[in-house]
Protein backbone atom coordinates (compact mmCIF):
# COMPACT_ATOMS: atom_id res chain seq x y z
CA MET A 1 -7.10 -39.63 -17.09
CA LYS A 2 -3.72 -38.00 -16.76
CA LEU A 3 -3.76 -34.23 -17.25
CA SER A 4 -1.88 -32.98 -20.26
CA THR A 5 0.86 -30.42 -19.74
CA SER A 6 -0.61 -28.55 -22.67
CA CYS A 7 -3.33 -26.04 -21.89
CA PHE A 8 -4.58 -26.54 -25.47
CA ALA A 9 -5.07 -30.25 -24.84
CA VAL A 10 -6.95 -29.43 -21.63
CA SER A 11 -9.13 -26.97 -23.54
CA ALA A 12 -10.03 -29.62 -26.10
CA LEU A 13 -10.99 -32.11 -23.40
CA LEU A 14 -13.10 -29.53 -21.62
CA LEU A 15 -14.96 -28.68 -24.79
CA SER A 16 -15.59 -32.34 -25.59
CA GLY A 17 -16.85 -33.05 -22.07
CA SER A 18 -14.91 -36.32 -22.11
CA PHE A 19 -13.67 -36.33 -18.52
CA ASN A 20 -14.67 -39.40 -16.52
CA ALA A 21 -15.42 -39.78 -12.83
CA ALA A 22 -12.47 -40.19 -10.48
CA ALA A 23 -10.64 -43.44 -11.02
CA LYS A 24 -9.49 -45.42 -8.00
CA ASP A 25 -5.89 -44.88 -9.02
CA SER A 26 -6.15 -41.09 -8.88
CA ILE A 27 -7.27 -38.46 -6.38
CA SER A 28 -8.59 -35.13 -7.68
CA PHE A 29 -9.55 -31.96 -5.84
CA LEU A 30 -10.10 -28.21 -6.12
CA ALA A 31 -7.77 -25.67 -4.48
CA PHE A 32 -8.97 -22.10 -3.95
CA GLY A 33 -8.35 -19.32 -1.48
CA ASP A 34 -9.17 -15.77 -0.39
CA GLY A 35 -12.76 -16.24 -1.48
CA GLY A 36 -14.54 -14.49 1.39
CA TYR A 37 -14.87 -11.00 -0.07
CA HIS A 38 -18.01 -9.09 -1.06
CA PRO A 39 -18.64 -5.30 -1.28
CA ASP A 40 -21.47 -5.69 1.25
CA TYR A 41 -18.72 -6.23 3.84
CA PRO A 42 -16.29 -3.38 3.17
CA LYS A 43 -13.11 -2.36 4.95
CA THR A 44 -13.50 0.33 7.62
CA LYS A 45 -11.26 2.72 5.66
CA HIS A 46 -13.61 2.51 2.68
CA ILE A 47 -16.52 3.47 4.93
CA LYS A 48 -14.75 6.35 6.66
CA LYS A 49 -13.03 7.67 3.52
CA PRO A 50 -15.27 6.78 0.57
CA LYS A 51 -14.02 7.32 -2.98
CA ASN A 52 -15.74 7.53 -6.34
CA LYS A 53 -14.62 5.28 -9.18
CA GLN A 54 -11.94 7.62 -10.51
CA GLN A 55 -10.57 8.34 -7.04
CA PHE A 56 -10.48 4.63 -6.22
CA ILE A 57 -8.50 3.81 -9.35
CA GLU A 58 -6.12 6.71 -8.77
CA ALA A 59 -5.48 5.50 -5.23
CA GLU A 60 -4.70 2.05 -6.63
CA ARG A 61 -2.31 3.64 -9.13
CA ALA A 62 -0.56 5.61 -6.37
CA ASP A 63 -0.06 2.44 -4.32
CA TRP A 64 1.29 0.71 -7.42
CA LEU A 65 3.91 3.38 -8.00
CA GLU A 66 4.80 3.59 -4.31
CA ASP A 67 5.73 -0.11 -4.49
CA HIS A 68 8.09 0.67 -7.44
CA ARG A 69 6.07 -1.33 -9.93
CA PRO A 70 6.25 -0.55 -13.69
CA ILE A 71 3.42 1.81 -14.58
CA GLU A 72 2.92 0.07 -17.94
CA GLU A 73 1.85 -3.04 -15.99
CA PHE A 74 -0.75 -1.20 -13.89
CA ASN A 75 -4.25 -2.63 -13.81
CA HIS A 76 -7.03 -2.91 -11.25
CA ALA A 77 -9.91 -5.13 -10.27
CA PRO A 78 -13.36 -4.48 -11.76
CA ILE A 79 -15.04 -1.64 -9.89
CA TYR A 80 -18.28 -1.93 -7.95
CA VAL A 81 -20.36 1.23 -7.39
CA TYR A 82 -22.89 1.06 -4.57
CA PRO A 83 -26.44 1.57 -5.91
CA GLY A 84 -27.75 5.10 -5.57
CA THR A 85 -24.28 6.51 -4.79
CA GLU A 86 -20.96 7.33 -6.45
CA ILE A 87 -19.04 5.38 -3.80
CA ALA A 88 -16.82 2.73 -5.37
CA THR A 89 -14.75 -0.25 -4.30
CA GLU A 90 -13.35 -3.35 -5.96
CA ASP A 91 -15.86 -5.93 -7.12
CA THR A 92 -15.88 -9.58 -6.09
CA GLY A 93 -15.41 -12.64 -8.24
CA ALA A 94 -16.51 -15.10 -5.57
CA ALA A 95 -19.81 -16.15 -7.15
CA ALA A 96 -18.25 -16.36 -10.61
CA VAL A 97 -15.42 -18.57 -9.33
CA GLY A 98 -17.93 -20.79 -7.51
CA LYS A 99 -19.94 -21.18 -10.71
CA ALA A 100 -16.78 -21.88 -12.73
CA MET A 101 -15.68 -24.58 -10.31
CA ALA A 102 -19.13 -26.18 -10.47
CA THR A 103 -18.93 -26.19 -14.27
CA LEU A 104 -15.44 -27.70 -14.28
CA CYS A 105 -16.54 -30.43 -11.89
CA GLU A 106 -19.22 -31.51 -14.36
CA ARG A 107 -16.39 -32.33 -16.77
CA LYS A 108 -13.61 -33.67 -14.60
CA ALA A 109 -13.30 -35.35 -11.23
CA CYS A 110 -13.60 -33.22 -8.09
CA GLU A 111 -13.69 -35.46 -5.04
CA PHE A 112 -13.32 -32.66 -2.47
CA GLY A 113 -11.95 -29.14 -2.13
CA ILE A 114 -9.34 -27.32 -0.09
CA GLN A 115 -9.97 -23.74 1.02
CA LEU A 116 -6.82 -21.75 1.65
CA GLY A 117 -7.92 -19.14 4.18
CA ASP A 118 -9.23 -15.59 4.33
CA ASN A 119 -12.67 -17.13 4.19
CA ILE A 120 -14.21 -13.99 5.76
CA TYR A 121 -13.19 -10.46 4.76
CA PRO A 122 -12.27 -8.00 6.01
CA ASP A 123 -12.12 -8.77 9.74
CA GLY A 124 -13.35 -12.32 10.20
CA ALA A 125 -16.36 -13.15 12.35
CA ASP A 126 -17.10 -11.09 15.47
CA ALA A 127 -16.31 -7.93 13.52
CA ASN A 128 -17.55 -4.74 15.14
CA ASP A 129 -19.82 -3.77 12.25
CA GLY A 130 -23.28 -4.59 13.60
CA LYS A 131 -23.82 -7.45 11.16
CA ASP A 132 -25.03 -10.91 12.05
CA ASP A 133 -22.22 -13.48 11.96
CA GLN A 134 -24.37 -16.38 10.79
CA LYS A 135 -25.53 -14.33 7.82
CA ARG A 136 -21.95 -13.15 7.25
CA MET A 137 -20.68 -16.72 6.97
CA ASN A 138 -23.64 -17.83 4.88
CA ASP A 139 -23.01 -14.92 2.51
CA LEU A 140 -19.21 -15.09 2.28
CA ILE A 141 -18.34 -18.77 2.70
CA LEU A 142 -21.38 -20.80 1.71
CA GLY A 143 -23.13 -18.55 -0.80
CA PRO A 144 -20.51 -18.50 -3.58
CA LEU A 145 -20.09 -22.30 -3.44
CA LYS A 146 -23.77 -23.25 -3.61
CA PRO A 147 -23.59 -24.13 -7.34
CA LEU A 148 -20.71 -26.50 -6.55
CA PHE A 149 -22.60 -28.23 -3.76
CA GLU A 150 -25.83 -28.42 -5.75
CA ASN A 151 -24.03 -30.53 -8.35
CA ASN A 152 -21.86 -32.41 -5.81
CA LYS A 153 -24.00 -32.82 -2.71
CA GLU A 154 -21.43 -34.98 -0.89
CA LEU A 155 -18.44 -32.79 -1.69
CA VAL A 156 -16.61 -31.50 1.41
CA VAL A 157 -14.32 -28.47 1.54
CA TYR A 158 -11.47 -28.77 4.05
CA SER A 159 -10.71 -25.23 5.20
CA ALA A 160 -7.69 -23.40 6.57
CA LEU A 161 -7.62 -20.11 8.47
CA GLY A 162 -6.07 -16.93 7.11
CA ASN A 163 -4.93 -13.64 8.60
CA HIS A 164 -8.30 -11.96 7.92
CA ASP A 165 -10.10 -14.79 9.68
CA TRP A 166 -7.98 -13.96 12.75
CA LYS A 167 -8.36 -10.19 12.38
CA THR A 168 -10.82 -9.31 15.14
CA SER A 169 -10.61 -11.85 17.94
CA ARG A 170 -10.19 -15.46 19.00
CA LYS A 171 -13.95 -15.50 19.41
CA GLY A 172 -14.21 -14.78 15.70
CA VAL A 173 -12.04 -17.80 14.90
CA LYS A 174 -14.18 -19.97 17.20
CA LEU A 175 -17.38 -18.74 15.57
CA GLN A 176 -16.06 -19.77 12.17
CA THR A 177 -14.97 -23.24 13.27
CA GLN A 178 -18.31 -23.77 15.03
CA TRP A 179 -20.20 -22.64 11.93
CA MET A 180 -18.25 -25.10 9.78
CA ALA A 181 -18.93 -27.90 12.26
CA ASN A 182 -22.64 -27.43 11.51
CA GLN A 183 -22.19 -27.40 7.73
CA PRO A 184 -22.29 -30.75 5.89
CA ASN A 185 -20.01 -29.45 3.13
CA PHE A 186 -17.25 -27.90 5.25
CA HIS A 187 -14.67 -29.10 7.72
CA MET A 188 -12.22 -27.29 9.97
CA ASP A 189 -10.72 -28.57 13.21
CA LYS A 190 -11.49 -26.38 16.22
CA ARG A 191 -7.79 -25.81 16.97
CA GLY A 192 -7.21 -24.49 13.45
CA TYR A 193 -4.67 -27.08 12.26
CA TYR A 194 -5.35 -30.72 11.53
CA SER A 195 -4.68 -33.62 9.17
CA TYR A 196 -6.89 -35.96 7.15
CA ARG A 197 -6.43 -38.79 4.65
CA MET A 198 -8.03 -39.55 1.30
CA GLY A 199 -7.82 -42.55 -1.01
CA GLU A 200 -7.16 -46.24 -0.69
CA ILE A 201 -4.28 -47.55 1.43
CA GLY A 202 -1.15 -47.69 -0.70
CA ASN A 203 -2.44 -45.00 -3.06
CA ASP A 204 -3.61 -42.51 -0.45
CA VAL A 205 -2.73 -38.95 0.50
CA GLU A 206 -2.46 -37.29 3.89
CA PHE A 207 -3.09 -33.56 4.06
CA PHE A 208 -1.60 -31.42 6.79
CA VAL A 209 -3.61 -28.19 7.20
CA LEU A 210 -1.68 -25.38 8.89
CA ASP A 211 -2.79 -22.31 10.78
CA THR A 212 0.03 -20.19 9.38
CA ASN A 213 -1.24 -17.04 11.05
CA MET A 214 -0.68 -18.70 14.42
CA LEU A 215 2.84 -19.67 13.36
CA LEU A 216 3.75 -16.18 12.16
CA SER A 217 2.20 -14.44 15.17
CA GLY A 218 4.70 -16.21 17.40
CA GLN A 219 7.63 -14.64 15.55
CA HIS A 220 9.31 -11.23 15.78
CA TYR A 221 10.10 -9.91 12.32
CA TYR A 222 10.18 -6.72 10.31
CA GLU A 223 8.15 -5.46 7.39
CA ILE A 224 10.64 -3.90 4.99
CA PRO A 225 9.68 -2.15 1.73
CA LEU A 226 11.48 -3.07 -1.47
CA ALA A 227 14.21 -0.91 -2.97
CA LYS A 228 13.46 1.00 -6.17
CA ASP A 229 14.88 -1.76 -8.35
CA GLY A 230 12.63 -4.35 -6.72
CA SER A 231 15.35 -5.91 -4.60
CA GLU A 232 15.06 -6.61 -0.89
CA GLN A 233 16.65 -4.03 1.38
CA GLY A 234 18.88 -5.32 4.15
CA LEU A 235 17.51 -4.92 7.66
CA ALA A 236 20.39 -2.70 8.79
CA THR A 237 19.90 -0.34 5.83
CA ALA A 238 16.13 -0.23 6.29
CA LEU A 239 16.46 0.48 10.01
CA ALA A 240 19.00 3.23 9.38
CA GLN A 241 16.65 4.86 6.88
CA GLY A 242 13.61 4.40 9.12
CA HIS A 243 11.91 2.10 6.62
CA ALA A 244 11.68 -1.08 8.69
CA GLU A 245 8.66 -1.63 10.92
CA VAL A 246 8.08 -4.50 13.33
CA GLU A 247 5.22 -6.63 12.04
CA ASP A 248 2.12 -5.65 14.00
CA ILE A 249 0.71 -8.63 15.91
CA GLU A 250 -2.57 -8.07 17.74
CA ILE A 251 -2.67 -9.25 21.36
CA HIS A 252 -5.35 -11.86 20.65
CA GLU A 253 -3.17 -13.36 17.88
CA SER A 254 -0.20 -14.01 20.16
CA PRO A 255 0.26 -17.76 20.81
CA VAL A 256 -1.05 -19.13 24.09
CA ASN A 257 0.79 -21.85 26.03
CA GLY A 258 3.22 -22.44 23.17
CA GLU A 259 0.52 -23.41 20.68
CA ASP A 260 2.70 -22.29 17.76
CA HIS A 261 5.56 -24.56 18.85
CA LYS A 262 3.10 -27.40 19.42
CA GLN A 263 1.85 -26.99 15.86
CA LEU A 264 5.39 -27.12 14.47
CA ALA A 265 6.15 -30.27 16.48
CA TRP A 266 2.85 -31.80 15.31
CA LEU A 267 3.73 -31.09 11.67
CA ALA A 268 7.27 -32.47 11.95
CA LYS A 269 6.11 -35.67 13.65
CA GLY A 270 3.11 -36.09 11.38
CA LEU A 271 5.11 -35.78 8.17
CA LYS A 272 7.88 -38.05 9.43
CA THR A 273 5.58 -40.83 10.62
CA SER A 274 2.86 -40.64 7.96
CA THR A 275 2.34 -43.91 6.11
CA ALA A 276 0.38 -42.28 3.27
CA LYS A 277 1.89 -42.44 -0.20
CA TRP A 278 1.40 -38.71 -0.80
CA LYS A 279 1.91 -35.98 1.79
CA ILE A 280 0.62 -32.49 1.00
CA VAL A 281 0.76 -29.46 3.28
CA TYR A 282 -1.39 -26.39 2.86
CA GLY A 283 -2.02 -23.14 4.69
CA HIS A 284 -2.80 -19.54 3.98
CA HIS A 285 0.61 -17.84 3.84
CA ILE A 286 3.15 -18.26 1.05
CA LEU A 287 6.72 -19.54 1.15
CA TRP A 288 7.73 -17.81 -2.09
CA SER A 289 5.71 -15.52 -4.36
CA ILE A 290 6.13 -12.64 -6.80
CA GLY A 291 3.46 -10.34 -5.36
CA GLY A 292 6.15 -8.13 -3.86
CA THR A 293 4.52 -7.46 -0.48
CA LYS A 294 4.51 -10.81 1.37
CA TYR A 295 8.19 -11.73 1.14
CA ASP A 296 8.99 -10.90 4.80
CA GLU A 297 6.41 -13.48 5.87
CA GLY A 298 7.85 -15.91 3.34
CA HIS A 299 11.31 -15.63 4.92
CA VAL A 300 9.89 -16.46 8.34
CA LEU A 301 7.66 -19.31 7.21
CA ARG A 302 10.43 -20.92 5.17
CA ARG A 303 12.62 -20.93 8.25
CA LEU A 304 9.84 -22.55 10.29
CA ILE A 305 8.60 -25.30 7.98
CA LEU A 306 10.65 -25.63 4.78
CA PRO A 307 13.13 -28.22 6.15
CA GLU A 308 10.29 -30.63 6.98
CA LEU A 309 8.51 -29.96 3.69
CA CYS A 310 11.66 -30.54 1.68
CA GLN A 311 12.33 -33.82 3.41
CA TYR A 312 8.85 -35.33 3.57
CA ALA A 313 6.22 -33.46 1.50
CA ASP A 314 5.09 -33.63 -2.13
CA ALA A 315 3.81 -30.04 -2.34
CA TYR A 316 2.86 -26.93 -0.40
CA ILE A 317 -0.31 -25.06 -1.37
CA ALA A 318 -1.17 -21.50 -0.25
CA GLY A 319 -3.36 -18.48 -0.90
CA HIS A 320 -2.68 -14.98 0.51
CA GLU A 321 -1.53 -13.55 -2.82
CA HIS A 322 -4.63 -12.71 -4.85
CA ASP A 323 -3.38 -14.33 -8.01
CA LEU A 324 -2.33 -17.71 -9.40
CA GLU A 325 1.30 -18.76 -9.20
CA LEU A 326 3.44 -21.87 -9.52
CA LEU A 327 6.96 -21.90 -8.10
CA THR A 328 9.47 -24.49 -6.90
CA ASP A 329 12.22 -24.70 -4.31
CA ASP A 330 15.04 -27.15 -5.01
CA CYS A 331 15.66 -27.49 -1.24
CA SER A 332 19.41 -27.04 -1.64
CA ARG A 333 19.56 -24.35 1.03
CA VAL A 334 17.92 -26.43 3.76
CA MET A 335 19.08 -29.86 2.51
CA PRO A 336 22.59 -29.52 1.03
CA GLY A 337 23.18 -32.29 -1.47
CA ASN A 338 19.45 -32.91 -1.88
CA SER A 339 18.63 -35.41 -4.61
CA LYS A 340 14.83 -35.26 -4.33
CA PRO A 341 12.80 -33.52 -7.05
CA LYS A 342 12.04 -29.85 -6.55
CA LEU A 343 9.24 -29.01 -4.11
CA PRO A 344 6.16 -27.61 -5.94
CA LEU A 345 4.68 -24.45 -4.40
CA ILE A 346 1.15 -23.78 -5.63
CA ILE A 347 -0.58 -20.44 -4.98
CA SER A 348 -4.32 -20.18 -5.60
CA GLY A 349 -5.60 -17.03 -3.90
CA ALA A 350 -7.78 -15.49 -6.61
CA ALA A 351 -11.21 -16.78 -5.58
CA SER A 352 -12.75 -13.34 -5.00
CA LYS A 353 -10.06 -10.63 -5.13
CA MET A 354 -7.38 -9.84 -7.70
CA ARG A 355 -3.99 -8.20 -7.50
CA GLY A 356 -0.91 -7.67 -9.63
CA THR A 357 2.52 -9.20 -9.45
CA HIS A 358 5.83 -7.32 -9.15
CA THR A 359 8.03 -7.93 -12.20
CA PRO A 360 11.20 -6.20 -10.91
CA PHE A 361 10.88 -8.08 -7.61
CA SER A 362 10.47 -11.36 -9.48
CA GLN A 363 13.62 -10.67 -11.49
CA GLN A 364 15.58 -9.83 -8.35
CA GLN A 365 14.40 -13.03 -6.65
CA GLU A 366 15.71 -15.08 -9.58
CA LYS A 367 19.11 -13.40 -9.23
CA ARG A 368 19.38 -13.67 -5.46
CA TYR A 369 18.03 -17.12 -4.66
CA PRO A 370 19.39 -20.02 -6.73
CA GLU A 371 17.04 -22.49 -5.02
CA TYR A 372 13.95 -20.58 -6.23
CA ASP A 373 12.26 -20.95 -9.60
CA LEU A 374 9.16 -19.23 -10.95
CA ILE A 375 7.33 -21.61 -13.28
CA TRP A 376 4.15 -19.70 -14.15
CA ALA A 377 1.94 -16.88 -12.88
CA LYS A 378 -1.12 -14.91 -13.87
CA SER A 379 -2.45 -11.83 -12.10
CA PHE A 380 -5.41 -9.44 -12.24
CA ILE A 381 -7.69 -12.44 -12.67
CA TRP A 382 -10.25 -14.47 -10.75
CA GLY A 383 -9.49 -18.17 -10.68
CA PHE A 384 -8.59 -21.42 -8.95
CA ALA A 385 -6.59 -24.63 -9.31
CA HIS A 386 -7.48 -28.25 -9.88
CA ILE A 387 -5.01 -30.90 -8.68
CA GLU A 388 -4.79 -34.59 -9.50
CA LEU A 389 -2.58 -37.16 -7.79
CA ASP A 390 -2.07 -39.80 -10.48
CA ASN A 391 -0.91 -43.08 -8.97
CA ARG A 392 -0.42 -44.68 -12.38
CA SER A 393 2.33 -42.26 -13.34
CA ASP A 394 3.29 -41.24 -9.79
CA SER A 395 2.72 -37.61 -10.73
CA LEU A 396 1.06 -34.57 -9.20
CA ASN A 397 -0.77 -32.69 -11.95
CA VAL A 398 -1.92 -29.13 -11.36
CA SER A 399 -4.13 -27.14 -13.72
CA PHE A 400 -5.00 -23.46 -13.36
CA TYR A 401 -8.30 -21.94 -14.47
CA THR A 402 -9.67 -18.41 -14.63
CA THR A 403 -13.12 -16.94 -15.16
CA PRO A 404 -13.91 -13.67 -16.99
CA ASN A 405 -14.58 -10.29 -15.42
CA ASP A 406 -18.12 -10.38 -16.81
CA LYS A 407 -19.05 -12.80 -13.98
CA SER A 408 -20.44 -15.33 -16.43
CA GLY A 409 -18.69 -18.16 -14.60
CA GLU A 410 -17.16 -19.41 -17.84
CA VAL A 411 -14.19 -21.75 -17.30
CA ILE A 412 -10.98 -20.69 -19.05
CA PRO A 413 -8.11 -23.24 -18.98
CA GLU A 414 -4.83 -21.42 -18.46
CA ALA A 415 -1.98 -23.90 -17.96
CA SER A 416 -1.21 -27.40 -16.67
CA PHE A 417 1.96 -28.84 -15.14
CA SER A 418 3.17 -32.19 -13.83
CA PHE A 419 5.55 -33.03 -10.97
CA LYS A 420 6.94 -36.39 -9.93
CA HIS A 421 6.07 -37.96 -6.57
CA ARG A 422 8.86 -37.00 -4.14
CA SER A 423 7.90 -38.13 -0.63
CA GLU A 424 8.95 -41.48 0.88
């Protein structure tokens, strides 16, 4: 069944329970990211400098204003207070999202899932916190998805690595890939990037899974705060004012033996020579977004991979921003005279954490970059995406869902969109 572009039509179908199993002429899957957070595994700063609920919210408000965001748009994640204390932190939506995905997959086809990185917060495996890594991964990666696997015992999640997965050490990355190798419902290649195919020949899709943290760690770039009006400051101005800082890359993250360049060459060759009908690339970091804090990384990643995506891919899917977004790039900057449809950019990073977007920044992006277009976004929510490749209509259909803050796991349809097949 082709997804409607109307969220009301989707709602009606969900309520009727009329979705059928996956047809041979379509491929359907879940896309979710940044799901590896739970208060039982807090950040070091929250341990060393604990805050009560009011203090935590005030700190969030101060950060909001420091980023030049409109105060009338301020919100925060639900607050978790540790039992027997007044110490507070943000709550997790991981279990609720897992339950919501399981419920959705009772009503519409879910042949597999893609996990978009930051599978383990805050510091990946091998964190220096005295906790057992096997339990950590069982708690943060497997635990929230158990309802999904109970209903879909053969379902496999194909995972990417994020910056938090890389946080502590290369050993931590290896521990995660080894853990997944022993899990029937997960897959991740030991080198961190890989490809796989789904579907019947002629109507199939090849996925290219990137280790975007490895790609970014091989680059020298600056982190530059936004100007008061939400616009990007030029590097020269930011340096003169002492605002620009070189992005901090830990020694263990630095590429070894040119592995970042090898990954880029692998992607370029793989996309160019793939015989699959559909070609989809996904990784943790964004190319464009309206979060207002990741745009420096977006500049770098666009330079590294956008030309190949524009020429050969049907979509790029990412997490990193803890919200849901849909954007496009018309590829005119990297492919002058391009006649292909716009490249869909899907962000689904709200599987356990939530954040706000930056309205002034979004408005400035629209003014500055003619190739960029924001289609839809929703923030301060927990949620995920469902994607269908419909070979009957040659369309990629993406639907976004959220689940309430009450952790009920209820499925709330938000919006659905359709894009034409664009790869050759």
